[in-house]
């Protein structure tokens, strides 16, 4: 595995989720210690996850905080959102984007 660049991570997140979490990707990369190699940035269980090689407790705490924040951010626009399941996939959407998406199986988590 190799260290992916901030630009490649942002491109992947935009392609797979939307632009709503790009500022969180910036925060991750702007605070990445030199001894950490990021191998993947992705959406999982309605939050932004990062796979990496290396050890740094403070960076790991930052990633936990980023994940918690991302669980409450619309993946499309970055506004406040809630967990939803659409077609069996968990994500986070604001009311506007939730209502605009058509889906046979659509569920919104309670507040």
PDB file of N, CA and C in Angstrom:
ATOM      1  N   UNK A   1       0.841  -1.178   0.000  1.00  0.00           N
ATOM      2  CA  UNK A   1       0.000   0.000   0.000  1.00  0.00           C
ATOM      3  C   UNK A   1       0.886   1.241   0.000  1.00  0.00           C
ATOM      4  N   UNK A   2       0.319   2.300  -0.564  1.00  0.00           N
ATOM      5  CA  UNK A   2       1.118   3.513  -0.602  1.00  0.00           C
ATOM      6  C   UNK A   2       0.316   4.685  -0.062  1.00  0.00           C
ATOM      7  N   UNK A   3       1.034   5.701   0.331  1.00  0.00           N
ATOM      8  CA  UNK A   3       0.451   6.919   0.883  1.00  0.00           C
ATOM      9  C   UNK A   3      -0.316   7.642  -0.221  1.00  0.00           C
ATOM     10  N   UNK A   4      -1.628   7.841  -0.024  1.00  0.00           N
ATOM     11  CA  UNK A   4      -2.389   8.563  -1.035  1.00  0.00           C
ATOM     12  C   UNK A   4      -2.339  10.058  -0.728  1.00  0.00           C
ATOM     13  N   UNK A   5      -2.342  10.835  -1.764  1.00  0.00           N
ATOM     14  CA  UNK A   5      -2.242  12.285  -1.609  1.00  0.00           C
ATOM     15  C   UNK A   5      -3.587  12.870  -1.174  1.00  0.00           C
ATOM     16  N   UNK A   6      -3.533  14.083  -0.647  1.00  0.00           N
ATOM     17  CA  UNK A   6      -4.758  14.795  -0.280  1.00  0.00           C
ATOM     18  C   UNK A   6      -5.660  14.952  -1.503  1.00  0.00           C
ATOM     19  N   UNK A   7      -5.076  15.287  -2.644  1.00  0.00           N
ATOM     20  CA  UNK A   7      -5.856  15.495  -3.855  1.00  0.00           C
ATOM     21  C   UNK A   7      -6.560  14.216  -4.286  1.00  0.00           C
ATOM     22  N   UNK A   8      -5.855  13.077  -4.215  1.00  0.00           N
ATOM     23  CA  UNK A   8      -6.463  11.796  -4.584  1.00  0.00           C
ATOM     24  C   UNK A   8      -7.578  11.419  -3.607  1.00  0.00           C
ATOM     25  N   UNK A   9      -7.379  11.690  -2.326  1.00  0.00           N
ATOM     26  CA  UNK A   9      -8.405  11.401  -1.319  1.00  0.00           C
ATOM     27  C   UNK A   9      -9.637  12.260  -1.567  1.00  0.00           C
ATOM     28  N   UNK A  10      -9.435  13.541  -1.849  1.00  0.00           N
ATOM     29  CA  UNK A  10     -10.559  14.445  -2.090  1.00  0.00           C
ATOM     30  C   UNK A  10     -11.309  14.054  -3.373  1.00  0.00           C
ATOM     31  N   UNK A  11     -10.584  13.640  -4.373  1.00  0.00           N
ATOM     32  CA  UNK A  11     -11.205  13.198  -5.617  1.00  0.00           C
ATOM     33  C   UNK A  11     -12.084  11.970  -5.367  1.00  0.00           C
ATOM     34  N   UNK A  12     -11.578  11.015  -4.584  1.00  0.00           N
ATOM     35  CA  UNK A  12     -12.330   9.792  -4.286  1.00  0.00           C
ATOM     36  C   UNK A  12     -13.584  10.110  -3.467  1.00  0.00           C
ATOM     37  N   UNK A  13     -13.458  10.941  -2.444  1.00  0.00           N
ATOM     38  CA  UNK A  13     -14.599  11.304  -1.606  1.00  0.00           C
ATOM     39  C   UNK A  13     -15.648  12.046  -2.440  1.00  0.00           C
ATOM     40  N   UNK A  14     -15.225  12.948  -3.288  1.00  0.00           N
ATOM     41  CA  UNK A  14     -16.161  13.666  -4.152  1.00  0.00           C
ATOM     42  C   UNK A  14     -16.908  12.687  -5.058  1.00  0.00           C
ATOM     43  N   UNK A  15     -16.185  11.751  -5.627  1.00  0.00           N
ATOM     44  CA  UNK A  15     -16.767  10.775  -6.554  1.00  0.00           C
ATOM     45  C   UNK A  15     -17.726   9.826  -5.839  1.00  0.00           C
ATOM     46  N   UNK A  16     -17.401   9.379  -4.647  1.00  0.00           N
ATOM     47  CA  UNK A  16     -18.193   8.357  -3.975  1.00  0.00           C
ATOM     48  C   UNK A  16     -19.229   8.898  -2.995  1.00  0.00           C
ATOM     49  N   UNK A  17     -19.056  10.110  -2.500  1.00  0.00           N
ATOM     50  CA  UNK A  17     -19.958  10.650  -1.477  1.00  0.00           C
ATOM     51  C   UNK A  17     -20.540  11.997  -1.854  1.00  0.00           C
ATOM     52  N   UNK A  18     -19.711  12.886  -2.308  1.00  0.00           N
ATOM     53  CA  UNK A  18     -20.097  14.262  -2.544  1.00  0.00           C
ATOM     54  C   UNK A  18     -19.048  15.185  -1.952  1.00  0.00           C
ATOM     55  N   UNK A  19     -19.295  16.465  -2.018  1.00  0.00           N
ATOM     56  CA  UNK A  19     -18.305  17.444  -1.583  1.00  0.00           C
ATOM     57  C   UNK A  19     -18.474  17.892  -0.138  1.00  0.00           C
ATOM     58  N   UNK A  20     -19.464  17.374   0.556  1.00  0.00           N
ATOM     59  CA  UNK A  20     -19.789  17.842   1.897  1.00  0.00           C
ATOM     60  C   UNK A  20     -18.734  17.625   2.955  1.00  0.00           C
ATOM     61  N   UNK A  21     -17.834  16.690   2.733  1.00  0.00           N
ATOM     62  CA  UNK A  21     -16.820  16.384   3.750  1.00  0.00           C
ATOM     63  C   UNK A  21     -15.401  16.736   3.327  1.00  0.00           C
ATOM     64  N   UNK A  22     -15.266  17.488   2.263  1.00  0.00           N
ATOM     65  CA  UNK A  22     -13.923  17.817   1.777  1.00  0.00           C
ATOM     66  C   UNK A  22     -13.126  18.626   2.790  1.00  0.00           C
ATOM     67  N   UNK A  23     -13.799  19.491   3.547  1.00  0.00           N
ATOM     68  CA  UNK A  23     -13.060  20.264   4.554  1.00  0.00           C
ATOM     69  C   UNK A  23     -12.503  19.348   5.648  1.00  0.00           C
ATOM     70  N   UNK A  24     -13.178  18.235   5.930  1.00  0.00           N
ATOM     71  CA  UNK A  24     -12.651  17.279   6.912  1.00  0.00           C
ATOM     72  C   UNK A  24     -11.417  16.559   6.368  1.00  0.00           C
ATOM     73  N   UNK A  25     -11.413  16.286   5.072  1.00  0.00           N
ATOM     74  CA  UNK A  25     -10.226  15.685   4.452  1.00  0.00           C
ATOM     75  C   UNK A  25      -9.048  16.646   4.573  1.00  0.00           C
ATOM     76  N   UNK A  26      -9.304  17.938   4.353  1.00  0.00           N
ATOM     77  CA  UNK A  26      -8.241  18.941   4.519  1.00  0.00           C
ATOM     78  C   UNK A  26      -7.690  18.914   5.939  1.00  0.00           C
ATOM     79  N   UNK A  27      -8.561  18.856   6.927  1.00  0.00           N
ATOM     80  CA  UNK A  27      -8.124  18.836   8.328  1.00  0.00           C
ATOM     81  C   UNK A  27      -7.266  17.609   8.606  1.00  0.00           C
ATOM     82  N   UNK A  28      -7.698  16.470   8.081  1.00  0.00           N
ATOM     83  CA  UNK A  28      -6.931  15.224   8.280  1.00  0.00           C
ATOM     84  C   UNK A  28      -5.520  15.381   7.723  1.00  0.00           C
ATOM     85  N   UNK A  29      -5.422  15.817   6.483  1.00  0.00           N
ATOM     86  CA  UNK A  29      -4.106  15.917   5.842  1.00  0.00           C
ATOM     87  C   UNK A  29      -3.260  17.049   6.413  1.00  0.00           C
ATOM     88  N   UNK A  30      -3.890  18.129   6.815  1.00  0.00           N
ATOM     89  CA  UNK A  30      -3.141  19.246   7.385  1.00  0.00           C
ATOM     90  C   UNK A  30      -2.562  18.907   8.754  1.00  0.00           C
ATOM     91  N   UNK A  31      -3.079  17.853   9.392  1.00  0.00           N
ATOM     92  CA  UNK A  31      -2.612  17.453  10.720  1.00  0.00           C
ATOM     93  C   UNK A  31      -1.955  16.079  10.736  1.00  0.00           C
ATOM     94  N   UNK A  32      -1.667  15.528   9.562  1.00  0.00           N
ATOM     95  CA  UNK A  32      -1.050  14.203   9.451  1.00  0.00           C
ATOM     96  C   UNK A  32       0.426  14.266   9.829  1.00  0.00           C
ATOM     97  N   UNK A  33       0.814  13.493  10.840  1.00  0.00           N
ATOM     98  CA  UNK A  33       2.238  13.448  11.195  1.00  0.00           C
ATOM     99  C   UNK A  33       3.075  12.807  10.083  1.00  0.00           C
ATOM    100  N   UNK A  34       4.335  13.145  10.049  1.00  0.00           N
ATOM    101  CA  UNK A  34       5.226  12.622   9.010  1.00  0.00           C
ATOM    102  C   UNK A  34       5.350  11.103   9.039  1.00  0.00           C
ATOM    103  N   UNK A  35       5.197  10.507  10.232  1.00  0.00           N
ATOM    104  CA  UNK A  35       5.368   9.054  10.347  1.00  0.00           C
ATOM    105  C   UNK A  35       4.107   8.267   9.995  1.00  0.00           C
ATOM    106  N   UNK A  36       3.056   8.953   9.568  1.00  0.00           N
ATOM    107  CA  UNK A  36       1.793   8.303   9.214  1.00  0.00           C
ATOM    108  C   UNK A  36       1.654   8.255   7.699  1.00  0.00           C
ATOM    109  N   UNK A  37       1.223   7.097   7.197  1.00  0.00           N
ATOM    110  CA  UNK A  37       0.976   6.903   5.773  1.00  0.00           C
ATOM    111  C   UNK A  37      -0.512   6.592   5.610  1.00  0.00           C
ATOM    112  N   UNK A  38      -1.241   7.478   4.982  1.00  0.00           N
ATOM    113  CA  UNK A  38      -2.678   7.268   4.757  1.00  0.00           C
ATOM    114  C   UNK A  38      -2.850   6.404   3.516  1.00  0.00           C
ATOM    115  N   UNK A  39      -3.567   5.288   3.676  1.00  0.00           N
ATOM    116  CA  UNK A  39      -3.756   4.353   2.571  1.00  0.00           C
ATOM    117  C   UNK A  39      -5.151   4.418   1.966  1.00  0.00           C
ATOM    118  N   UNK A  40      -6.123   4.978   2.724  1.00  0.00           N
ATOM    119  CA  UNK A  40      -7.475   5.075   2.192  1.00  0.00           C
ATOM    120  C   UNK A  40      -8.301   6.064   3.011  1.00  0.00           C
ATOM    121  N   UNK A  41      -9.131   6.836   2.335  1.00  0.00           N
ATOM    122  CA  UNK A  41     -10.103   7.728   2.965  1.00  0.00           C
ATOM    123  C   UNK A  41     -11.439   7.378   2.323  1.00  0.00           C
ATOM    124  N   UNK A  42     -12.444   7.044   3.144  1.00  0.00           N
ATOM    125  CA  UNK A  42     -13.699   6.535   2.593  1.00  0.00           C
ATOM    126  C   UNK A  42     -14.855   6.744   3.566  1.00  0.00           C
ATOM    127  N   UNK A  43     -16.073   6.583   3.055  1.00  0.00           N
ATOM    128  CA  UNK A  43     -17.287   6.685   3.852  1.00  0.00           C
ATOM    129  C   UNK A  43     -17.692   5.280   4.290  1.00  0.00           C
ATOM    130  N   UNK A  44     -17.906   5.085   5.589  1.00  0.00           N
ATOM    131  CA  UNK A  44     -18.348   3.786   6.103  1.00  0.00           C
ATOM    132  C   UNK A  44     -19.206   4.022   7.329  1.00  0.00           C
ATOM    133  N   UNK A  45     -20.343   3.337   7.386  1.00  0.00           N
ATOM    134  CA  UNK A  45     -21.275   3.465   8.513  1.00  0.00           C
ATOM    135  C   UNK A  45     -21.643   4.922   8.758  1.00  0.00           C
ATOM    136  N   UNK A  46     -21.875   5.651   7.684  1.00  0.00           N
ATOM    137  CA  UNK A  46     -22.339   7.035   7.731  1.00  0.00           C
ATOM    138  C   UNK A  46     -21.297   8.029   8.223  1.00  0.00           C
ATOM    139  N   UNK A  47     -20.033   7.646   8.238  1.00  0.00           N
ATOM    140  CA  UNK A  47     -18.987   8.552   8.689  1.00  0.00           C
ATOM    141  C   UNK A  47     -17.737   8.451   7.826  1.00  0.00           C
ATOM    142  N   UNK A  48     -16.860   9.427   7.959  1.00  0.00           N
ATOM    143  CA  UNK A  48     -15.608   9.474   7.208  1.00  0.00           C
ATOM    144  C   UNK A  48     -14.544   8.670   7.941  1.00  0.00           C
ATOM    145  N   UNK A  49     -14.027   7.656   7.284  1.00  0.00           N
ATOM    146  CA  UNK A  49     -13.027   6.771   7.881  1.00  0.00           C
ATOM    147  C   UNK A  49     -11.695   6.921   7.148  1.00  0.00           C
ATOM    148  N   UNK A  50     -10.624   6.603   7.868  1.00  0.00           N
ATOM    149  CA  UNK A  50      -9.282   6.689   7.304  1.00  0.00           C
ATOM    150  C   UNK A  50      -8.512   5.435   7.691  1.00  0.00           C
ATOM    151  N   UNK A  51      -7.947   4.756   6.704  1.00  0.00           N
ATOM    152  CA  UNK A  51      -7.015   3.662   6.969  1.00  0.00           C
ATOM    153  C   UNK A  51      -5.615   4.236   6.844  1.00  0.00           C
ATOM    154  N   UNK A  52      -4.743   3.847   7.756  1.00  0.00           N
ATOM    155  CA  UNK A  52      -3.387   4.383   7.725  1.00  0.00           C
ATOM    156  C   UNK A  52      -2.411   3.383   8.329  1.00  0.00           C
ATOM    157  N   UNK A  53      -1.147   3.632   8.045  1.00  0.00           N
ATOM    158  CA  UNK A  53      -0.048   2.845   8.593  1.00  0.00           C
ATOM    159  C   UNK A  53       0.762   3.779   9.474  1.00  0.00           C
ATOM    160  N   UNK A  54       1.121   3.289  10.642  1.00  0.00           N
ATOM    161  CA  UNK A  54       1.889   4.096  11.580  1.00  0.00           C
ATOM    162  C   UNK A  54       1.158   4.215  12.898  1.00  0.00           C
ATOM    163  N   UNK A  55       1.793   4.879  13.834  1.00  0.00           N
ATOM    164  CA  UNK A  55       1.216   5.017  15.172  1.00  0.00           C
ATOM    165  C   UNK A  55       1.402   6.446  15.651  1.00  0.00           C
ATOM    166  N   UNK A  56       0.283   7.061  16.025  1.00  0.00           N
ATOM    167  CA  UNK A  56       0.313   8.389  16.618  1.00  0.00           C
ATOM    168  C   UNK A  56      -1.013   8.579  17.355  1.00  0.00           C
ATOM    169  N   UNK A  57      -0.969   8.592  18.662  1.00  0.00           N
ATOM    170  CA  UNK A  57      -2.173   8.646  19.489  1.00  0.00           C
ATOM    171  C   UNK A  57      -2.981   9.909  19.218  1.00  0.00           C
ATOM    172  N   UNK A  58      -2.322  11.037  19.097  1.00  0.00           N
ATOM    173  CA  UNK A  58      -3.038  12.295  18.866  1.00  0.00           C
ATOM    174  C   UNK A  58      -3.738  12.271  17.511  1.00  0.00           C
ATOM    175  N   UNK A  59      -3.091  11.741  16.477  1.00  0.00           N
ATOM    176  CA  UNK A  59      -3.707  11.637  15.161  1.00  0.00           C
ATOM    177  C   UNK A  59      -4.903  10.688  15.203  1.00  0.00           C
ATOM    178  N   UNK A  60      -4.775   9.590  15.925  1.00  0.00           N
ATOM    179  CA  UNK A  60      -5.884   8.647  16.067  1.00  0.00           C
ATOM    180  C   UNK A  60      -7.072   9.308  16.769  1.00  0.00           C
ATOM    181  N   UNK A  61      -6.804  10.130  17.769  1.00  0.00           N
ATOM    182  CA  UNK A  61      -7.882  10.865  18.445  1.00  0.00           C
ATOM    183  C   UNK A  61      -8.530  11.865  17.488  1.00  0.00           C
ATOM    184  N   UNK A  62      -7.729  12.523  16.667  1.00  0.00           N
ATOM    185  CA  UNK A  62      -8.264  13.442  15.667  1.00  0.00           C
ATOM    186  C   UNK A  62      -9.207  12.694  14.719  1.00  0.00           C
ATOM    187  N   UNK A  63      -8.793  11.517  14.270  1.00  0.00           N
ATOM    188  CA  UNK A  63      -9.624  10.742  13.345  1.00  0.00           C
ATOM    189  C   UNK A  63     -10.941  10.321  13.990  1.00  0.00           C
ATOM    190  N   UNK A  64     -10.909  10.000  15.261  1.00  0.00           N
ATOM    191  CA  UNK A  64     -12.149   9.662  15.980  1.00  0.00           C
ATOM    192  C   UNK A  64     -13.079  10.869  16.036  1.00  0.00           C
ATOM    193  N   UNK A  65     -12.507  12.036  16.281  1.00  0.00           N
ATOM    194  CA  UNK A  65     -13.298  13.272  16.320  1.00  0.00           C
ATOM    195  C   UNK A  65     -13.874  13.584  14.941  1.00  0.00           C
ATOM    196  N   UNK A  66     -13.062  13.439  13.912  1.00  0.00           N
ATOM    197  CA  UNK A  66     -13.509  13.674  12.534  1.00  0.00           C
ATOM    198  C   UNK A  66     -14.667  12.732  12.202  1.00  0.00           C
ATOM    199  N   UNK A  67     -14.540  11.473  12.584  1.00  0.00           N
ATOM    200  CA  UNK A  67     -15.605  10.503  12.317  1.00  0.00           C
ATOM    201  C   UNK A  67     -16.900  10.941  13.003  1.00  0.00           C
ATOM    202  N   UNK A  68     -16.810  11.334  14.272  1.00  0.00           N
ATOM    203  CA  UNK A  68     -17.996  11.775  15.016  1.00  0.00           C
ATOM    204  C   UNK A  68     -18.651  12.989  14.366  1.00  0.00           C
ATOM    205  N   UNK A  69     -17.844  13.931  13.934  1.00  0.00           N
ATOM    206  CA  UNK A  69     -18.368  15.124  13.258  1.00  0.00           C
ATOM    207  C   UNK A  69     -19.020  14.725  11.936  1.00  0.00           C
ATOM    208  N   UNK A  70     -18.360  13.863  11.191  1.00  0.00           N
ATOM    209  CA  UNK A  70     -18.865  13.494   9.864  1.00  0.00           C
ATOM    210  C   UNK A  70     -20.189  12.743   9.937  1.00  0.00           C
ATOM    211  N   UNK A  71     -20.449  12.070  11.037  1.00  0.00           N
ATOM    212  CA  UNK A  71     -21.721  11.364  11.195  1.00  0.00           C
ATOM    213  C   UNK A  71     -22.911  12.320  11.230  1.00  0.00           C
ATOM    214  N   UNK A  72     -22.632  13.594  11.435  1.00  0.00           N
ATOM    215  CA  UNK A  72     -23.686  14.604  11.548  1.00  0.00           C
ATOM    216  C   UNK A  72     -23.634  15.627  10.407  1.00  0.00           C
ATOM    217  N   UNK A  73     -22.865  15.313   9.355  1.00  0.00           N
ATOM    218  CA  UNK A  73     -22.703  16.208   8.206  1.00  0.00           C
ATOM    219  C   UNK A  73     -23.220  15.549   6.936  1.00  0.00           C
ATOM    220  N   UNK A  74     -24.012  16.274   6.190  1.00  0.00           N
ATOM    221  CA  UNK A  74     -24.481  15.764   4.901  1.00  0.00           C
ATOM    222  C   UNK A  74     -23.276  15.503   3.994  1.00  0.00           C
ATOM    223  N   UNK A  75     -23.236  14.310   3.434  1.00  0.00           N
ATOM    224  CA  UNK A  75     -22.108  13.977   2.555  1.00  0.00           C
ATOM    225  C   UNK A  75     -22.115  14.803   1.276  1.00  0.00           C
ATOM    226  N   UNK A  76     -23.280  15.276   0.886  1.00  0.00           N
ATOM    227  CA  UNK A  76     -23.399  16.002  -0.372  1.00  0.00           C
ATOM    228  C   UNK A  76     -23.032  17.475  -0.223  1.00  0.00           C
ATOM    229  N   UNK A  77     -23.548  18.128   0.855  1.00  0.00           N
ATOM    230  CA  UNK A  77     -23.351  19.578   0.956  1.00  0.00           C
ATOM    231  C   UNK A  77     -22.621  20.035   2.220  1.00  0.00           C
ATOM    232  N   UNK A  78     -22.501  19.166   3.224  1.00  0.00           N
ATOM    233  CA  UNK A  78     -21.795  19.531   4.450  1.00  0.00           C
ATOM    234  C   UNK A  78     -22.667  20.153   5.524  1.00  0.00           C
ATOM    235  N   UNK A  79     -23.941  20.391   5.229  1.00  0.00           N
ATOM    236  CA  UNK A  79     -24.850  20.936   6.243  1.00  0.00           C
ATOM    237  C   UNK A  79     -25.140  19.867   7.296  1.00  0.00           C
ATOM    238  N   UNK A  80     -25.773  20.296   8.381  1.00  0.00           N
ATOM    239  CA  UNK A  80     -26.160  19.377   9.439  1.00  0.00           C
ATOM    240  C   UNK A  80     -27.079  18.296   8.866  1.00  0.00           C
ATOM    241  N   UNK A  81     -26.812  17.049   9.227  1.00  0.00           N
ATOM    242  CA  UNK A  81     -27.600  15.943   8.696  1.00  0.00           C
ATOM    243  C   UNK A  81     -27.773  14.824   9.701  1.00  0.00           C
ATOM    244  N   UNK A  82     -28.509  13.809   9.274  1.00  0.00           N
ATOM    245  CA  UNK A  82     -28.750  12.635  10.103  1.00  0.00           C
ATOM    246  C   UNK A  82     -28.441  11.380   9.311  1.00  0.00           C
ATOM    247  N   UNK A  83     -28.204  10.307  10.061  1.00  0.00           N
ATOM    248  CA  UNK A  83     -27.966   9.012   9.429  1.00  0.00           C
ATOM    249  C   UNK A  83     -29.208   8.573   8.676  1.00  0.00           C
ATOM    250  N   UNK A  84     -28.966   8.041   7.498  1.00  0.00           N
ATOM    251  CA  UNK A  84     -30.043   7.485   6.698  1.00  0.00           C
ATOM    252  C   UNK A  84     -29.550   6.184   6.073  1.00  0.00           C
ATOM    253  N   UNK A  85     -30.506   5.348   5.705  1.00  0.00           N
ATOM    254  CA  UNK A  85     -30.199   4.136   4.952  1.00  0.00           C
ATOM    255  C   UNK A  85     -31.006   4.209   3.672  1.00  0.00           C
ATOM    256  N   UNK A  86     -30.312   4.162   2.555  1.00  0.00           N
ATOM    257  CA  UNK A  86     -30.962   4.200   1.250  1.00  0.00           C
ATOM    258  C   UNK A  86     -30.441   3.017   0.445  1.00  0.00           C
ATOM    259  N   UNK A  87     -31.336   2.116   0.109  1.00  0.00           N
ATOM    260  CA  UNK A  87     -30.937   0.923  -0.641  1.00  0.00           C
ATOM    261  C   UNK A  87     -29.921   0.080   0.095  1.00  0.00           C
ATOM    262  N   UNK A  88     -30.008   0.057   1.418  1.00  0.00           N
ATOM    263  CA  UNK A  88     -29.111  -0.754   2.225  1.00  0.00           C
ATOM    264  C   UNK A  88     -27.774  -0.097   2.553  1.00  0.00           C
ATOM    265  N   UNK A  89     -27.551   1.126   2.101  1.00  0.00           N
ATOM    266  CA  UNK A  89     -26.293   1.828   2.340  1.00  0.00           C
ATOM    267  C   UNK A  89     -26.515   2.935   3.365  1.00  0.00           C
ATOM    268  N   UNK A  90     -25.707   2.930   4.431  1.00  0.00           N
ATOM    269  CA  UNK A  90     -25.785   3.982   5.453  1.00  0.00           C
ATOM    270  C   UNK A  90     -24.974   5.191   5.032  1.00  0.00           C
ATOM    271  N   UNK A  91     -25.573   6.354   5.207  1.00  0.00           N
ATOM    272  CA  UNK A  91     -24.877   7.602   4.933  1.00  0.00           C
ATOM    273  C   UNK A  91     -25.490   8.683   5.814  1.00  0.00           C
ATOM    274  N   UNK A  92     -25.064   9.916   5.634  1.00  0.00           N
ATOM    275  CA  UNK A  92     -25.636  11.039   6.373  1.00  0.00           C
ATOM    276  C   UNK A  92     -26.086  12.089   5.372  1.00  0.00           C
ATOM    277  N   UNK A  93     -27.329  12.531   5.519  1.00  0.00           N
ATOM    278  CA  UNK A  93     -27.878  13.527   4.606  1.00  0.00           C
ATOM    279  C   UNK A  93     -28.660  14.577   5.381  1.00  0.00           C
ATOM    280  N   UNK A  94     -28.646  15.799   4.871  1.00  0.00           N
ATOM    281  CA  UNK A  94     -29.514  16.858   5.399  1.00  0.00           C
ATOM    282  C   UNK A  94     -30.934  16.569   4.919  1.00  0.00           C
ATOM    283  N   UNK A  95     -31.896  17.281   5.472  1.00  0.00           N
ATOM    284  CA  UNK A  95     -33.296  17.064   5.090  1.00  0.00           C
ATOM    285  C   UNK A  95     -33.515  17.290   3.602  1.00  0.00           C
ATOM    286  N   UNK A  96     -32.909  18.338   3.063  1.00  0.00           N
ATOM    287  CA  UNK A  96     -33.092  18.658   1.644  1.00  0.00           C
ATOM    288  C   UNK A  96     -32.634  17.520   0.744  1.00  0.00           C
ATOM    289  N   UNK A  97     -31.429  16.993   0.987  1.00  0.00           N
ATOM    290  CA  UNK A  97     -30.917  15.932   0.129  1.00  0.00           C
ATOM    291  C   UNK A  97     -31.613  14.596   0.391  1.00  0.00           C
ATOM    292  N   UNK A  98     -32.018  14.352   1.620  1.00  0.00           N
ATOM    293  CA  UNK A  98     -32.781  13.140   1.923  1.00  0.00           C
ATOM    294  C   UNK A  98     -34.090  13.141   1.142  1.00  0.00           C
ATOM    295  N   UNK A  99     -34.789  14.265   1.152  1.00  0.00           N
ATOM    296  CA  UNK A  99     -36.082  14.361   0.468  1.00  0.00           C
ATOM    297  C   UNK A  99     -35.943  14.337  -1.053  1.00  0.00           C
ATOM    298  N   UNK A 100     -34.787  14.709  -1.571  1.00  0.00           N
ATOM    299  CA  UNK A 100     -34.605  14.759  -3.024  1.00  0.00           C
ATOM    300  C   UNK A 100     -34.189  13.420  -3.626  1.00  0.00           C
ATOM    301  N   UNK A 101     -33.834  12.459  -2.788  1.00  0.00           N
ATOM    302  CA  UNK A 101     -33.353  11.165  -3.297  1.00  0.00           C
ATOM    303  C   UNK A 101     -34.510  10.181  -3.357  1.00  0.00           C
ATOM    304  N   UNK A 102     -34.657   9.575  -4.516  1.00  0.00           N
ATOM    305  CA  UNK A 102     -35.669   8.535  -4.691  1.00  0.00           C
ATOM    306  C   UNK A 102     -35.054   7.210  -4.272  1.00  0.00           C
ATOM    307  N   UNK A 103     -35.845   6.399  -3.603  1.00  0.00           N
ATOM    308  CA  UNK A 103     -35.344   5.092  -3.211  1.00  0.00           C
ATOM    309  C   UNK A 103     -36.476   4.212  -2.731  1.00  0.00           C
ATOM    310  N   UNK A 104     -36.438   2.946  -3.124  1.00  0.00           N
ATOM    311  CA  UNK A 104     -37.465   2.018  -2.683  1.00  0.00           C
ATOM    312  C   UNK A 104     -37.327   1.747  -1.195  1.00  0.00           C
ATOM    313  N   UNK A 105     -36.104   1.593  -0.756  1.00  0.00           N
ATOM    314  CA  UNK A 105     -35.835   1.355   0.661  1.00  0.00           C
ATOM    315  C   UNK A 105     -35.134   2.587   1.201  1.00  0.00           C
ATOM    316  N   UNK A 106     -35.860   3.358   1.980  1.00  0.00           N
ATOM    317  CA  UNK A 106     -35.328   4.619   2.472  1.00  0.00           C
ATOM    318  C   UNK A 106     -35.727   4.760   3.934  1.00  0.00           C
ATOM    319  N   UNK A 107     -34.756   4.950   4.807  1.00  0.00           N
ATOM    320  CA  UNK A 107     -35.010   5.019   6.241  1.00  0.00           C
ATOM    321  C   UNK A 107     -34.163   6.116   6.841  1.00  0.00           C
ATOM    322  N   UNK A 108     -34.761   6.916   7.720  1.00  0.00           N
ATOM    323  CA  UNK A 108     -34.027   7.969   8.396  1.00  0.00           C
ATOM    324  C   UNK A 108     -33.992   7.648   9.889  1.00  0.00           C
ATOM    325  N   UNK A 109     -32.820   7.772  10.480  1.00  0.00           N
ATOM    326  CA  UNK A 109     -32.674   7.529  11.918  1.00  0.00           C
ATOM    327  C   UNK A 109     -33.430   8.590  12.697  1.00  0.00           C
ATOM    328  N   UNK A 110     -33.904   8.216  13.870  1.00  0.00           N
ATOM    329  CA  UNK A 110     -34.589   9.170  14.741  1.00  0.00           C
ATOM    330  C   UNK A 110     -33.603  10.186  15.251  1.00  0.00           C
ATOM    331  N   UNK A 111     -34.099  11.374  15.621  1.00  0.00           N
ATOM    332  CA  UNK A 111     -33.247  12.436  16.157  1.00  0.00           C
ATOM    333  C   UNK A 111     -32.686  12.048  17.485  1.00  0.00           C
TER     334      UNK A 111
END
